[in-house]
Amino acid sequence: MNQLKTLIIEDEINNAELLQHFLIKYCPEIEVIGTCVNKAEALEAIPRLNPQLLFLDIILEDDTAFDILKEIDYREMHIVFVTAFDEYALKAFRFNAADYLLKPLQIDELVNAVKRILIREANREFLEKNAIENMAQTFSQTNPKLVTISNIDKVSFIKNEEILFCKSSGRYTEFYLKNKRKLVASKSLGEYEQELDQNYFYRIHKSFIVNLNCIQQINKKAGNYCELEDGTSLPISRRRLDGLIQYLKNM
């Protein structure tokens, strides 16, 4: 049997290597011919390697899978979308009969996705352009603004509503998330003050930016503090208190 020439497009090296390992070990019908970590690499590799199958991560650095698909001829390519954000994927992908995998990757789901692709290849069935366009539109409409948190090790994309508050740590910024995780970004709090969505975030102190939707109450008795939904208390500088109250009133 001829193997399907397959290109992996994934910006997290560990995930790309794991996917390649699983494909080699469990999917003998697949030949991995390359890996790309961003849009530029993908746009160079696709016409050169002419893959039959793409494993395509939804979010790639500053781009999305659909940004790549806009610029290539995918009419005779099979596509398996890979995403960590199942709320973006499930409804749109199922409606358009697209194949997708959720992170973290599961071997049985990967094997089943490959089986479906092989059936489609045998029947020469490919995703229609309007299906791709429908998914791209759904993604753009339902995708909340993502905050990019980058350091020397990796780049993380975090939804606004997952962030409780940000704390200055010298030239770095610490992000405290609702799932009790902490991420450290190699940018200052002042830089993030300019980048974060002002409909969600407000700088309450020289050291803190808070998610407005996470504030439960403001305590003026013990000095000015705001209490968050997880029980955290953060100081509010006197000169920022009135502005914070006004923001909350207008929400």
C-alpha atoms as a PDB file:
ATOM      1  CA  MET A   1       0.000   0.000   0.000  1.00  0.00           C
ATOM      2  CA  ASN A   2       1.236   3.476  -0.841  1.00  0.00           C
ATOM      3  CA  GLN A   3       1.737   5.625   2.235  1.00  0.00           C
ATOM      4  CA  LEU A   4       0.048   9.009   2.515  1.00  0.00           C
ATOM      5  CA  LYS A   5       2.643  11.775   2.423  1.00  0.00           C
ATOM      6  CA  THR A   6       1.968  13.765   5.568  1.00  0.00           C
ATOM      7  CA  LEU A   7       3.107  17.177   6.803  1.00  0.00           C
ATOM      8  CA  ILE A   8       2.794  18.190  10.463  1.00  0.00           C
ATOM      9  CA  ILE A   9       2.211  21.895  11.143  1.00  0.00           C
ATOM     10  CA  GLU A  10       2.566  22.506  14.885  1.00  0.00           C
ATOM     11  CA  ASP A  11       4.352  25.320  16.725  1.00  0.00           C
ATOM     12  CA  GLU A  12       5.054  23.350  19.908  1.00  0.00           C
ATOM     13  CA  ILE A  13       8.045  21.118  19.199  1.00  0.00           C
ATOM     14  CA  ASN A  14       7.168  18.561  21.877  1.00  0.00           C
ATOM     15  CA  ASN A  15       3.666  18.113  20.470  1.00  0.00           C
ATOM     16  CA  ALA A  16       4.993  17.794  16.922  1.00  0.00           C
ATOM     17  CA  GLU A  17       7.515  15.160  17.991  1.00  0.00           C
ATOM     18  CA  LEU A  18       4.878  13.230  19.934  1.00  0.00           C
ATOM     19  CA  LEU A  19       2.475  13.274  16.986  1.00  0.00           C
ATOM     20  CA  GLN A  20       5.218  12.103  14.642  1.00  0.00           C
ATOM     21  CA  HIS A  21       6.162   9.310  17.060  1.00  0.00           C
ATOM     22  CA  PHE A  22       2.552   8.127  17.302  1.00  0.00           C
ATOM     23  CA  LEU A  23       2.106   8.216  13.526  1.00  0.00           C
ATOM     24  CA  ILE A  24       5.259   6.188  12.907  1.00  0.00           C
ATOM     25  CA  LYS A  25       4.419   3.645  15.598  1.00  0.00           C
ATOM     26  CA  TYR A  26       0.671   3.218  15.168  1.00  0.00           C
ATOM     27  CA  CYS A  27      -0.156   4.381  11.631  1.00  0.00           C
ATOM     28  CA  PRO A  28       1.979   2.519   9.061  1.00  0.00           C
ATOM     29  CA  GLU A  29      -0.154   3.958   6.260  1.00  0.00           C
ATOM     30  CA  ILE A  30       1.349   7.391   6.983  1.00  0.00           C
ATOM     31  CA  GLU A  31       4.726   8.747   5.829  1.00  0.00           C
ATOM     32  CA  VAL A  32       5.756  11.895   7.711  1.00  0.00           C
ATOM     33  CA  ILE A  33       7.657  14.022   5.194  1.00  0.00           C
ATOM     34  CA  GLY A  34       8.216  17.106   7.319  1.00  0.00           C
ATOM     35  CA  THR A  35       7.312  19.349  10.234  1.00  0.00           C
ATOM     36  CA  CYS A  36       6.645  23.105  10.207  1.00  0.00           C
ATOM     37  CA  VAL A  37       6.397  25.352  13.243  1.00  0.00           C
ATOM     38  CA  ASN A  38       4.770  28.453  11.742  1.00  0.00           C
ATOM     39  CA  LYS A  39       2.874  29.854   8.788  1.00  0.00           C
ATOM     40  CA  ALA A  40       5.966  30.941   6.857  1.00  0.00           C
ATOM     41  CA  GLU A  41       7.523  27.477   7.027  1.00  0.00           C
ATOM     42  CA  ALA A  42       4.224  25.868   6.050  1.00  0.00           C
ATOM     43  CA  LEU A  43       3.731  28.104   3.012  1.00  0.00           C
ATOM     44  CA  GLU A  44       7.242  27.239   1.839  1.00  0.00           C
ATOM     45  CA  ALA A  45       6.996  23.502   2.502  1.00  0.00           C
ATOM     46  CA  ILE A  46       3.537  22.714   1.150  1.00  0.00           C
ATOM     47  CA  PRO A  47       4.159  23.477  -2.554  1.00  0.00           C
ATOM     48  CA  ARG A  48       7.660  21.967  -2.343  1.00  0.00           C
ATOM     49  CA  LEU A  49       6.706  18.696  -0.628  1.00  0.00           C
ATOM     50  CA  ASN A  50       3.183  18.362  -2.069  1.00  0.00           C
ATOM     51  CA  PRO A  51       1.715  16.532   0.952  1.00  0.00           C
ATOM     52  CA  GLN A  52      -1.481  14.526   0.712  1.00  0.00           C
ATOM     53  CA  LEU A  53      -2.375  15.010   4.373  1.00  0.00           C
ATOM     54  CA  LEU A  54      -1.890  17.907   6.785  1.00  0.00           C
ATOM     55  CA  PHE A  55      -2.009  17.652  10.560  1.00  0.00           C
ATOM     56  CA  LEU A  56      -2.693  21.313  11.180  1.00  0.00           C
ATOM     57  CA  ASP A  57      -2.652  23.018  14.571  1.00  0.00           C
ATOM     58  CA  ILE A  58      -5.381  25.630  14.898  1.00  0.00           C
ATOM     59  CA  ILE A  59      -3.176  28.272  16.560  1.00  0.00           C
ATOM     60  CA  LEU A  60       0.346  28.928  15.291  1.00  0.00           C
ATOM     61  CA  GLU A  61       2.184  31.797  16.959  1.00  0.00           C
ATOM     62  CA  ASP A  62       0.386  34.882  15.590  1.00  0.00           C
ATOM     63  CA  ASP A  63      -1.576  32.990  12.930  1.00  0.00           C
ATOM     64  CA  THR A  64      -4.278  30.365  12.676  1.00  0.00           C
ATOM     65  CA  ALA A  65      -4.713  27.288  10.528  1.00  0.00           C
ATOM     66  CA  PHE A  66      -7.199  29.203   8.423  1.00  0.00           C
ATOM     67  CA  ASP A  67      -4.621  31.879   7.617  1.00  0.00           C
ATOM     68  CA  ILE A  68      -2.549  29.139   5.982  1.00  0.00           C
ATOM     69  CA  LEU A  69      -5.493  27.583   4.164  1.00  0.00           C
ATOM     70  CA  LYS A  70      -6.349  30.953   2.627  1.00  0.00           C
ATOM     71  CA  GLU A  71      -3.028  30.904   0.786  1.00  0.00           C
ATOM     72  CA  ILE A  72      -2.724  27.327  -0.451  1.00  0.00           C
ATOM     73  CA  ASP A  73      -4.556  25.039  -2.845  1.00  0.00           C
ATOM     74  CA  TYR A  74      -5.953  22.355  -0.559  1.00  0.00           C
ATOM     75  CA  ARG A  75      -8.548  20.948  -2.951  1.00  0.00           C
ATOM     76  CA  GLU A  76      -6.808  17.559  -3.067  1.00  0.00           C
ATOM     77  CA  MET A  77      -5.376  17.538   0.435  1.00  0.00           C
ATOM     78  CA  HIS A  78      -6.791  15.836   3.495  1.00  0.00           C
ATOM     79  CA  ILE A  79      -6.702  17.903   6.686  1.00  0.00           C
ATOM     80  CA  VAL A  80      -6.799  16.864  10.318  1.00  0.00           C
ATOM     81  CA  PHE A  81      -7.115  19.872  12.600  1.00  0.00           C
ATOM     82  CA  VAL A  82      -5.374  19.750  15.977  1.00  0.00           C
ATOM     83  CA  THR A  83      -6.551  21.955  18.819  1.00  0.00           C
ATOM     84  CA  ALA A  84      -6.386  22.391  22.568  1.00  0.00           C
ATOM     85  CA  PHE A  85      -9.579  24.446  22.477  1.00  0.00           C
ATOM     86  CA  ASP A  86     -12.374  21.946  22.090  1.00  0.00           C
ATOM     87  CA  GLU A  87     -15.066  24.606  22.430  1.00  0.00           C
ATOM     88  CA  TYR A  88     -13.813  26.104  19.155  1.00  0.00           C
ATOM     89  CA  ALA A  89     -13.631  22.808  17.372  1.00  0.00           C
ATOM     90  CA  LEU A  90     -16.419  20.434  18.211  1.00  0.00           C
ATOM     91  CA  LYS A  91     -19.536  22.086  16.843  1.00  0.00           C
ATOM     92  CA  ALA A  92     -18.019  23.587  13.707  1.00  0.00           C
ATOM     93  CA  PHE A  93     -15.904  20.567  12.849  1.00  0.00           C
ATOM     94  CA  ARG A  94     -18.709  18.066  13.329  1.00  0.00           C
ATOM     95  CA  PHE A  95     -21.141  20.186  11.334  1.00  0.00           C
ATOM     96  CA  ASN A  96     -18.700  20.356   8.430  1.00  0.00           C
ATOM     97  CA  ALA A  97     -17.627  16.687   8.708  1.00  0.00           C
ATOM     98  CA  ALA A  98     -14.013  17.690   9.340  1.00  0.00           C
ATOM     99  CA  ASP A  99     -11.499  15.534  11.158  1.00  0.00           C
ATOM    100  CA  TYR A 100      -9.893  16.923  14.280  1.00  0.00           C
ATOM    101  CA  LEU A 101      -7.819  15.848  17.267  1.00  0.00           C
ATOM    102  CA  LEU A 102      -7.894  17.356  20.738  1.00  0.00           C
ATOM    103  CA  LYS A 103      -4.789  17.935  22.808  1.00  0.00           C
ATOM    104  CA  PRO A 104      -3.449  16.081  24.661  1.00  0.00           C
ATOM    105  CA  LEU A 105      -3.338  13.549  21.847  1.00  0.00           C
ATOM    106  CA  GLN A 106      -4.937  10.168  22.393  1.00  0.00           C
ATOM    107  CA  ILE A 107      -3.604   7.222  20.385  1.00  0.00           C
ATOM    108  CA  ASP A 108      -7.011   5.669  19.676  1.00  0.00           C
ATOM    109  CA  GLU A 109      -8.403   8.978  18.427  1.00  0.00           C
ATOM    110  CA  LEU A 110      -5.385   9.450  16.164  1.00  0.00           C
ATOM    111  CA  VAL A 111      -5.703   5.950  14.718  1.00  0.00           C
ATOM    112  CA  ASN A 112      -9.421   6.465  14.081  1.00  0.00           C
ATOM    113  CA  ALA A 113      -8.799   9.806  12.396  1.00  0.00           C
ATOM    114  CA  VAL A 114      -6.246   8.198  10.084  1.00  0.00           C
ATOM    115  CA  LYS A 115      -8.701   5.397   9.249  1.00  0.00           C
ATOM    116  CA  ARG A 116     -11.297   7.984   8.240  1.00  0.00           C
ATOM    117  CA  ILE A 117      -8.766   9.793   6.087  1.00  0.00           C
ATOM    118  CA  LEU A 118      -7.818   6.548   4.320  1.00  0.00           C
ATOM    119  CA  ILE A 119     -11.476   5.955   3.468  1.00  0.00           C
ATOM    120  CA  ARG A 120     -11.757   9.480   2.124  1.00  0.00           C
ATOM    121  CA  GLU A 121      -8.591   9.002   0.079  1.00  0.00           C
ATOM    122  CA  ALA A 122      -9.913   5.771  -1.408  1.00  0.00           C
ATOM    123  CA  ASN A 123     -13.103   7.600  -2.411  1.00  0.00           C
ATOM    124  CA  ARG A 124     -11.226  10.777  -3.379  1.00  0.00           C
ATOM    125  CA  GLU A 125     -13.353  12.807  -0.992  1.00  0.00           C
ATOM    126  CA  PHE A 126     -11.970  16.115   0.271  1.00  0.00           C
ATOM    127  CA  LEU A 127     -13.220  19.002   2.374  1.00  0.00           C
ATOM    128  CA  GLU A 128     -15.088  21.529   0.272  1.00  0.00           C
ATOM    129  CA  LYS A 129     -14.002  25.158   0.224  1.00  0.00           C
ATOM    130  CA  ASN A 130     -17.292  26.280   1.746  1.00  0.00           C
ATOM    131  CA  ALA A 131     -16.758  23.888   4.696  1.00  0.00           C
ATOM    132  CA  ILE A 132     -13.353  25.441   5.395  1.00  0.00           C
ATOM    133  CA  GLU A 133     -14.844  28.929   5.104  1.00  0.00           C
ATOM    134  CA  ASN A 134     -17.681  28.015   7.488  1.00  0.00           C
ATOM    135  CA  MET A 135     -15.200  26.744  10.076  1.00  0.00           C
ATOM    136  CA  ALA A 136     -13.031  29.843   9.685  1.00  0.00           C
ATOM    137  CA  GLN A 137     -16.049  32.076  10.204  1.00  0.00           C
ATOM    138  CA  THR A 138     -17.185  30.135  13.271  1.00  0.00           C
ATOM    139  CA  PHE A 139     -13.678  30.281  14.695  1.00  0.00           C
ATOM    140  CA  SER A 140     -13.408  34.046  14.201  1.00  0.00           C
ATOM    141  CA  GLN A 141     -16.826  34.629  15.775  1.00  0.00           C
ATOM    142  CA  THR A 142     -16.432  32.383  18.815  1.00  0.00           C
ATOM    143  CA  ASN A 143     -12.703  32.720  19.442  1.00  0.00           C
ATOM    144  CA  PRO A 144     -12.266  35.029  22.434  1.00  0.00           C
ATOM    145  CA  LYS A 145      -9.249  37.261  22.341  1.00  0.00           C
ATOM    146  CA  LEU A 146      -6.219  35.270  23.376  1.00  0.00           C
ATOM    147  CA  VAL A 147      -3.425  36.696  25.503  1.00  0.00           C
ATOM    148  CA  THR A 148       0.030  35.690  24.326  1.00  0.00           C
ATOM    149  CA  ILE A 149       2.318  34.783  27.233  1.00  0.00           C
ATOM    150  CA  SER A 150       5.839  34.117  26.012  1.00  0.00           C
ATOM    151  CA  ASN A 151       9.121  33.319  27.707  1.00  0.00           C
ATOM    152  CA  ILE A 152      12.355  31.603  26.705  1.00  0.00           C
ATOM    153  CA  ASP A 153      10.763  28.152  26.966  1.00  0.00           C
ATOM    154  CA  LYS A 154       7.449  28.470  25.157  1.00  0.00           C
ATOM    155  CA  VAL A 155       4.554  30.616  24.000  1.00  0.00           C
ATOM    156  CA  SER A 156       1.162  30.097  25.650  1.00  0.00           C
ATOM    157  CA  PHE A 157      -2.203  31.389  24.434  1.00  0.00           C
ATOM    158  CA  ILE A 158      -4.598  32.071  27.289  1.00  0.00           C
ATOM    159  CA  LYS A 159      -8.197  33.233  27.073  1.00  0.00           C
ATOM    160  CA  ASN A 160      -9.062  36.488  28.833  1.00  0.00           C
ATOM    161  CA  GLU A 161     -11.537  34.823  31.148  1.00  0.00           C
ATOM    162  CA  GLU A 162      -8.935  32.347  32.423  1.00  0.00           C
ATOM    163  CA  ILE A 163      -6.804  35.133  33.916  1.00  0.00           C
ATOM    164  CA  LEU A 164      -7.431  36.346  37.472  1.00  0.00           C
ATOM    165  CA  PHE A 165      -4.722  38.985  37.660  1.00  0.00           C
ATOM    166  CA  CYS A 166      -1.210  39.907  36.547  1.00  0.00           C
ATOM    167  CA  LYS A 167       1.622  40.868  38.868  1.00  0.00           C
ATOM    168  CA  SER A 168       4.774  42.801  38.093  1.00  0.00           C
ATOM    169  CA  SER A 169       8.030  40.970  38.738  1.00  0.00           C
ATOM    170  CA  GLY A 170      10.728  43.377  37.612  1.00  0.00           C
ATOM    171  CA  ARG A 171      11.113  43.020  33.845  1.00  0.00           C
ATOM    172  CA  TYR A 172       8.720  40.058  33.902  1.00  0.00           C
ATOM    173  CA  THR A 173       4.998  39.607  34.467  1.00  0.00           C
ATOM    174  CA  GLU A 174       3.384  36.802  36.441  1.00  0.00           C
ATOM    175  CA  PHE A 175      -0.048  35.641  35.250  1.00  0.00           C
ATOM    176  CA  TYR A 176      -2.272  34.005  37.868  1.00  0.00           C
ATOM    177  CA  LEU A 177      -4.937  31.810  36.294  1.00  0.00           C
ATOM    178  CA  LYS A 178      -8.235  30.398  37.534  1.00  0.00           C
ATOM    179  CA  ASN A 179      -6.964  26.826  37.444  1.00  0.00           C
ATOM    180  CA  LYS A 180      -4.333  27.791  40.050  1.00  0.00           C
ATOM    181  CA  ARG A 181      -1.577  27.870  37.446  1.00  0.00           C
ATOM    182  CA  LYS A 182       0.987  30.634  37.249  1.00  0.00           C
ATOM    183  CA  LEU A 183       2.730  31.605  34.017  1.00  0.00           C
ATOM    184  CA  VAL A 184       5.674  33.983  33.749  1.00  0.00           C
ATOM    185  CA  ALA A 185       6.057  36.214  30.694  1.00  0.00           C
ATOM    186  CA  SER A 186       9.241  37.919  29.607  1.00  0.00           C
ATOM    187  CA  LYS A 187       7.528  41.287  29.169  1.00  0.00           C
ATOM    188  CA  SER A 188       6.841  43.986  31.728  1.00  0.00           C
ATOM    189  CA  LEU A 189       3.488  44.777  33.294  1.00  0.00           C
ATOM    190  CA  GLY A 190       3.564  48.148  31.529  1.00  0.00           C
ATOM    191  CA  GLU A 191       3.788  46.423  28.145  1.00  0.00           C
ATOM    192  CA  TYR A 192       0.860  44.183  28.992  1.00  0.00           C
ATOM    193  CA  GLU A 193      -1.140  47.181  30.183  1.00  0.00           C
ATOM    194  CA  GLN A 194      -0.999  48.444  26.585  1.00  0.00           C
ATOM    195  CA  GLU A 195      -1.818  45.050  25.041  1.00  0.00           C
ATOM    196  CA  LEU A 196      -4.572  43.622  27.252  1.00  0.00           C
ATOM    197  CA  ASP A 197      -8.221  44.127  26.348  1.00  0.00           C
ATOM    198  CA  GLN A 198      -9.439  47.111  28.368  1.00  0.00           C
ATOM    199  CA  ASN A 199     -12.921  45.625  28.443  1.00  0.00           C
ATOM    200  CA  TYR A 200     -11.503  42.912  30.694  1.00  0.00           C
ATOM    201  CA  PHE A 201      -8.491  44.341  32.488  1.00  0.00           C
ATOM    202  CA  TYR A 202      -7.635  47.375  34.601  1.00  0.00           C
ATOM    203  CA  ARG A 203      -4.386  48.416  36.269  1.00  0.00           C
ATOM    204  CA  ILE A 204      -5.275  48.927  39.915  1.00  0.00           C
ATOM    205  CA  HIS A 205      -1.743  49.403  41.265  1.00  0.00           C
ATOM    206  CA  LYS A 206       1.806  49.823  39.984  1.00  0.00           C
ATOM    207  CA  SER A 207       2.257  46.089  40.573  1.00  0.00           C
ATOM    208  CA  PHE A 208      -1.124  44.654  39.573  1.00  0.00           C
ATOM    209  CA  ILE A 209      -3.549  44.386  36.661  1.00  0.00           C
ATOM    210  CA  VAL A 210      -6.844  42.701  37.515  1.00  0.00           C
ATOM    211  CA  ASN A 211      -9.513  40.956  35.470  1.00  0.00           C
ATOM    212  CA  LEU A 212     -12.559  43.144  36.118  1.00  0.00           C
ATOM    213  CA  ASN A 213     -14.922  40.189  35.826  1.00  0.00           C
ATOM    214  CA  CYS A 214     -13.181  38.439  38.722  1.00  0.00           C
ATOM    215  CA  ILE A 215     -13.692  41.216  41.291  1.00  0.00           C
ATOM    216  CA  GLN A 216     -16.198  40.252  43.987  1.00  0.00           C
ATOM    217  CA  GLN A 217     -16.013  43.385  46.114  1.00  0.00           C
ATOM    218  CA  ILE A 218     -13.934  46.410  47.027  1.00  0.00           C
ATOM    219  CA  ASN A 219     -12.907  46.780  50.668  1.00  0.00           C
ATOM    220  CA  LYS A 220     -12.249  50.360  51.722  1.00  0.00           C
ATOM    221  CA  LYS A 221     -11.980  49.765  55.459  1.00  0.00           C
ATOM    222  CA  ALA A 222      -8.582  48.107  55.610  1.00  0.00           C
ATOM    223  CA  GLY A 223      -6.993  50.402  53.025  1.00  0.00           C
ATOM    224  CA  ASN A 224      -8.255  49.991  49.474  1.00  0.00           C
ATOM    225  CA  TYR A 225      -8.364  46.336  48.420  1.00  0.00           C
ATOM    226  CA  CYS A 226     -10.314  44.366  45.871  1.00  0.00           C
ATOM    227  CA  GLU A 227     -11.287  40.816  46.664  1.00  0.00           C
ATOM    228  CA  LEU A 228     -11.326  38.306  43.808  1.00  0.00           C
ATOM    229  CA  GLU A 229     -13.485  35.244  43.268  1.00  0.00           C
ATOM    230  CA  ASP A 230     -10.722  32.903  44.457  1.00  0.00           C
ATOM    231  CA  GLY A 231     -10.284  34.802  47.732  1.00  0.00           C
ATOM    232  CA  THR A 232      -7.199  36.767  46.693  1.00  0.00           C
ATOM    233  CA  SER A 233      -6.997  40.361  47.983  1.00  0.00           C
ATOM    234  CA  LEU A 234      -5.109  42.905  45.883  1.00  0.00           C
ATOM    235  CA  PRO A 235      -4.214  46.486  46.829  1.00  0.00           C
ATOM    236  CA  ILE A 236      -5.715  49.401  44.908  1.00  0.00           C
ATOM    237  CA  SER A 237      -3.741  52.621  44.757  1.00  0.00           C
ATOM    238  CA  ARG A 238      -5.703  55.682  45.853  1.00  0.00           C
ATOM    239  CA  ARG A 239      -5.316  57.439  42.532  1.00  0.00           C
ATOM    240  CA  ARG A 240      -6.706  54.421  40.648  1.00  0.00           C
ATOM    241  CA  LEU A 241      -9.689  53.688  42.918  1.00  0.00           C
ATOM    242  CA  ASP A 242     -12.162  56.103  41.323  1.00  0.00           C
ATOM    243  CA  GLY A 243     -11.262  54.927  37.839  1.00  0.00           C
ATOM    244  CA  LEU A 244     -11.769  51.305  38.859  1.00  0.00           C
ATOM    245  CA  ILE A 245     -15.180  52.000  40.354  1.00  0.00           C
ATOM    246  CA  GLN A 246     -16.216  53.856  37.204  1.00  0.00           C
ATOM    247  CA  TYR A 247     -15.075  50.944  35.014  1.00  0.00           C
ATOM    248  CA  LEU A 248     -17.077  48.511  37.098  1.00  0.00           C
ATOM    249  CA  LYS A 249     -20.191  50.687  36.918  1.00  0.00           C
ATOM    250  CA  ASN A 250     -19.957  50.807  33.127  1.00  0.00           C
ATOM    251  CA  MET A 251     -19.587  47.054  32.667  1.00  0.00           C
END
